[in-house]
N, C-alpha and C. Protein backbone atom coordinates (compact mmCIF):
# COMPACT_ATOMS: atom_id res chain seq x y z
N UNK A 1 -95.08 119.87 -97.97
CA UNK A 1 -95.89 120.11 -99.19
C UNK A 1 -94.93 120.35 -100.38
N UNK A 2 -93.96 121.10 -100.25
CA UNK A 2 -93.04 121.40 -101.36
C UNK A 2 -92.40 120.21 -101.84
N UNK A 3 -91.92 119.31 -100.85
CA UNK A 3 -91.28 118.08 -101.20
C UNK A 3 -92.23 117.17 -102.01
N UNK A 4 -93.55 117.06 -101.56
CA UNK A 4 -94.52 116.21 -102.41
C UNK A 4 -94.76 116.76 -103.80
N UNK A 5 -94.71 118.04 -103.93
CA UNK A 5 -94.88 118.58 -105.22
C UNK A 5 -93.71 118.42 -106.12
N UNK A 6 -92.55 118.39 -105.57
CA UNK A 6 -91.35 118.07 -106.27
C UNK A 6 -91.27 116.65 -106.71
N UNK A 7 -91.58 115.78 -105.86
CA UNK A 7 -91.71 114.40 -106.15
C UNK A 7 -92.75 114.11 -107.38
N UNK A 8 -93.82 114.76 -107.27
CA UNK A 8 -94.81 114.57 -108.27
C UNK A 8 -94.40 115.12 -109.54
N UNK A 9 -93.77 116.16 -109.69
CA UNK A 9 -93.32 116.86 -110.87
C UNK A 9 -92.19 115.80 -111.51
N UNK A 10 -91.22 115.35 -110.72
CA UNK A 10 -90.18 114.49 -111.00
C UNK A 10 -90.88 113.10 -111.68
N UNK A 11 -91.82 112.67 -111.06
CA UNK A 11 -92.59 111.44 -111.51
C UNK A 11 -93.25 111.69 -112.86
N UNK A 12 -94.08 112.73 -112.68
CA UNK A 12 -94.75 113.03 -113.96
C UNK A 12 -93.94 113.32 -115.18
N UNK A 13 -92.84 114.22 -115.09
CA UNK A 13 -92.04 114.37 -116.25
C UNK A 13 -91.30 113.08 -116.68
N UNK A 14 -90.69 112.40 -115.60
CA UNK A 14 -90.01 111.22 -115.95
C UNK A 14 -90.92 110.14 -116.78
N UNK A 15 -92.15 110.09 -116.27
CA UNK A 15 -93.04 109.10 -117.03
C UNK A 15 -93.42 109.70 -118.35
N UNK A 16 -93.57 110.94 -118.55
CA UNK A 16 -93.79 111.58 -119.85
C UNK A 16 -92.63 111.28 -120.92
N UNK A 17 -91.49 111.56 -120.30
CA UNK A 17 -90.25 111.48 -121.08
C UNK A 17 -89.71 110.03 -121.35
N UNK A 18 -89.66 109.33 -120.29
CA UNK A 18 -89.17 107.99 -120.30
C UNK A 18 -90.13 106.92 -120.37
N UNK A 19 -91.50 107.19 -120.24
CA UNK A 19 -92.53 106.35 -120.51
C UNK A 19 -92.50 105.19 -119.53
N UNK A 20 -92.67 103.91 -119.99
CA UNK A 20 -92.73 102.87 -119.09
C UNK A 20 -91.35 102.54 -118.44
N UNK A 21 -90.28 102.88 -118.92
CA UNK A 21 -88.95 102.72 -118.38
C UNK A 21 -88.85 103.42 -117.02
N UNK A 22 -89.67 104.32 -116.62
CA UNK A 22 -89.71 105.16 -115.50
C UNK A 22 -90.65 104.69 -114.36
N UNK A 23 -91.35 103.71 -114.70
CA UNK A 23 -92.43 103.22 -113.86
C UNK A 23 -91.84 102.85 -112.43
N UNK A 24 -90.76 102.14 -112.38
CA UNK A 24 -90.21 101.60 -111.03
C UNK A 24 -89.73 102.80 -110.27
N UNK A 25 -89.08 103.72 -110.85
CA UNK A 25 -88.69 104.95 -110.12
C UNK A 25 -89.85 105.79 -109.63
N UNK A 26 -90.86 105.87 -110.32
CA UNK A 26 -92.15 106.56 -109.86
C UNK A 26 -92.85 105.81 -108.78
N UNK A 27 -92.88 104.45 -108.89
CA UNK A 27 -93.39 103.79 -107.80
C UNK A 27 -92.52 103.85 -106.49
N UNK A 28 -91.31 103.92 -106.62
CA UNK A 28 -90.51 104.21 -105.48
C UNK A 28 -90.70 105.58 -104.84
N UNK A 29 -90.85 106.75 -105.78
CA UNK A 29 -91.24 107.91 -105.21
C UNK A 29 -92.61 107.94 -104.46
N UNK A 30 -93.44 107.31 -105.05
CA UNK A 30 -94.83 107.13 -104.42
C UNK A 30 -94.79 106.41 -103.03
N UNK A 31 -93.86 105.35 -102.96
CA UNK A 31 -93.58 104.70 -101.62
C UNK A 31 -93.01 105.72 -100.61
N UNK A 32 -92.20 106.49 -101.04
CA UNK A 32 -91.51 107.48 -100.17
C UNK A 32 -92.60 108.52 -99.72
N UNK A 33 -93.47 108.77 -100.56
CA UNK A 33 -94.59 109.83 -100.27
C UNK A 33 -95.44 109.13 -99.16
N UNK A 34 -95.82 107.84 -99.24
CA UNK A 34 -96.50 107.25 -98.25
C UNK A 34 -95.79 106.92 -96.74
N UNK A 35 -94.53 106.84 -96.97
CA UNK A 35 -93.69 106.65 -95.75
C UNK A 35 -93.76 108.01 -94.97
N UNK A 36 -93.67 109.09 -95.71
CA UNK A 36 -93.71 110.42 -95.18
C UNK A 36 -95.08 110.94 -94.69
N UNK A 37 -96.09 110.44 -95.10
CA UNK A 37 -97.43 110.79 -94.94
C UNK A 37 -97.88 110.68 -93.50
N UNK A 38 -98.49 111.63 -92.92
CA UNK A 38 -99.08 111.48 -91.58
C UNK A 38 -100.27 110.62 -91.45
N UNK A 39 -101.18 110.85 -92.41
CA UNK A 39 -102.45 110.09 -92.50
C UNK A 39 -102.44 109.25 -93.72
N UNK A 40 -101.97 108.12 -93.55
CA UNK A 40 -101.78 107.31 -94.83
C UNK A 40 -103.07 106.83 -95.52
N UNK A 41 -104.09 106.63 -94.69
CA UNK A 41 -105.35 106.22 -95.16
C UNK A 41 -106.00 107.41 -96.09
N UNK A 42 -105.82 108.49 -95.64
CA UNK A 42 -106.42 109.68 -96.37
C UNK A 42 -105.59 109.87 -97.63
N UNK A 43 -104.29 109.77 -97.49
CA UNK A 43 -103.44 109.87 -98.69
C UNK A 43 -103.64 108.93 -99.71
N UNK A 44 -103.86 107.61 -99.23
CA UNK A 44 -104.20 106.58 -100.28
C UNK A 44 -105.54 106.94 -100.88
N UNK A 45 -106.59 107.42 -100.22
CA UNK A 45 -107.79 107.64 -100.77
C UNK A 45 -107.75 108.74 -101.83
N UNK A 46 -106.95 109.81 -101.47
CA UNK A 46 -106.69 110.86 -102.34
C UNK A 46 -105.93 110.49 -103.58
N UNK A 47 -104.86 109.76 -103.32
CA UNK A 47 -104.10 109.30 -104.55
C UNK A 47 -104.96 108.45 -105.56
N UNK A 48 -105.71 107.41 -104.94
CA UNK A 48 -106.49 106.56 -105.79
C UNK A 48 -107.54 107.41 -106.45
N UNK A 49 -108.17 108.43 -105.99
CA UNK A 49 -109.27 109.19 -106.51
C UNK A 49 -108.68 109.99 -107.70
N UNK A 50 -107.48 110.58 -107.43
CA UNK A 50 -106.95 111.29 -108.58
C UNK A 50 -106.39 110.42 -109.69
N UNK A 51 -105.77 109.29 -109.44
CA UNK A 51 -105.46 108.31 -110.34
C UNK A 51 -106.55 107.97 -111.18
N UNK A 52 -107.64 107.56 -110.64
CA UNK A 52 -108.97 107.12 -111.31
C UNK A 52 -109.29 108.13 -112.17
N UNK A 53 -109.45 109.35 -111.79
CA UNK A 53 -109.86 110.47 -112.75
C UNK A 53 -108.86 110.72 -113.82
N UNK A 54 -107.54 110.72 -113.50
CA UNK A 54 -106.57 110.83 -114.53
C UNK A 54 -106.52 109.79 -115.66
N UNK A 55 -106.74 108.44 -115.06
CA UNK A 55 -106.77 107.37 -116.10
C UNK A 55 -108.02 107.48 -117.15
N UNK A 56 -109.20 107.93 -116.34
CA UNK A 56 -110.42 108.02 -117.20
C UNK A 56 -110.28 109.09 -118.18
N UNK A 57 -109.64 110.24 -117.83
CA UNK A 57 -109.38 111.35 -118.83
C UNK A 57 -108.47 110.85 -119.93
N UNK A 58 -107.35 110.17 -119.61
CA UNK A 58 -106.49 109.65 -120.69
C UNK A 58 -107.06 108.70 -121.56
N UNK A 59 -107.87 107.85 -121.07
CA UNK A 59 -108.60 106.80 -121.84
C UNK A 59 -109.61 107.68 -122.87
N UNK A 60 -110.34 108.66 -122.35
CA UNK A 60 -111.22 109.46 -123.11
C UNK A 60 -110.45 110.10 -124.19
N UNK A 61 -109.27 110.75 -124.00
CA UNK A 61 -108.41 111.37 -124.92
C UNK A 61 -108.00 110.50 -125.95
N UNK A 62 -107.52 109.29 -125.51
CA UNK A 62 -107.06 108.32 -126.47
C UNK A 62 -108.35 107.82 -127.44
N UNK A 63 -109.47 107.70 -126.83
CA UNK A 63 -110.61 107.16 -127.65
C UNK A 63 -111.01 108.42 -128.67
N UNK A 64 -110.84 109.55 -128.20
CA UNK A 64 -111.31 110.67 -129.13
C UNK A 64 -110.11 110.90 -130.13
N UNK A 65 -109.01 110.34 -130.01
CA UNK A 65 -107.99 110.48 -131.13
C UNK A 65 -106.98 111.57 -130.72
N UNK A 66 -107.06 112.17 -129.56
CA UNK A 66 -106.14 113.25 -129.16
C UNK A 66 -104.78 112.59 -128.88
N UNK A 67 -104.79 111.45 -128.23
CA UNK A 67 -103.53 110.73 -128.07
C UNK A 67 -103.55 109.49 -129.19
N UNK A 68 -102.39 109.43 -129.79
CA UNK A 68 -102.28 108.43 -130.77
C UNK A 68 -101.09 107.47 -130.55
N UNK A 69 -101.29 106.19 -130.49
CA UNK A 69 -100.32 105.26 -130.13
C UNK A 69 -100.00 104.31 -131.44
N UNK A 70 -98.75 103.96 -131.59
CA UNK A 70 -98.58 103.09 -132.69
C UNK A 70 -98.26 101.79 -132.35
N UNK A 71 -99.12 101.13 -131.88
CA UNK A 71 -99.18 99.74 -131.37
C UNK A 71 -98.95 99.66 -129.82
N UNK A 72 -99.10 98.40 -129.42
CA UNK A 72 -98.92 98.24 -127.97
C UNK A 72 -97.59 98.50 -127.23
N UNK A 73 -96.49 98.66 -128.03
CA UNK A 73 -95.16 98.94 -127.37
C UNK A 73 -95.19 100.39 -126.91
N UNK A 74 -95.89 101.31 -127.48
CA UNK A 74 -95.90 102.62 -127.10
C UNK A 74 -97.00 103.02 -126.11
N UNK A 75 -97.93 102.22 -125.98
CA UNK A 75 -98.93 102.46 -124.96
C UNK A 75 -98.44 102.43 -123.56
N UNK A 76 -99.02 103.29 -122.74
CA UNK A 76 -98.69 103.33 -121.37
C UNK A 76 -99.17 102.11 -120.60
N UNK A 77 -98.47 101.63 -119.64
CA UNK A 77 -98.91 100.36 -118.94
C UNK A 77 -100.35 100.25 -118.52
N UNK A 78 -100.95 101.33 -118.20
CA UNK A 78 -102.31 101.49 -117.67
C UNK A 78 -103.40 101.21 -118.71
N UNK A 79 -102.94 101.42 -120.11
CA UNK A 79 -103.75 101.23 -121.14
C UNK A 79 -103.48 99.91 -121.85
N UNK A 80 -102.57 99.22 -121.56
CA UNK A 80 -102.20 97.88 -122.10
C UNK A 80 -103.33 96.89 -121.72
N UNK A 81 -103.78 96.21 -122.71
CA UNK A 81 -104.98 95.09 -122.47
C UNK A 81 -104.51 93.91 -123.12
């Protein structure tokens, strides 16, 4: 559990600081998480549920003007259209 928390924090801070440049590393850490998971189906459902909630919240905050992006180059990959 502590290892999962550490991987999450590394991924989160890496994505915040390095943005889209850190996506490959974050995906590798997610892959390690699934390799170490005992019940992969349950883990996948949990990760997808939390990701959908997080993306919806980020879209809402961007729509309300809390997040401000100066063009597509600065937008996170999941918000690029």
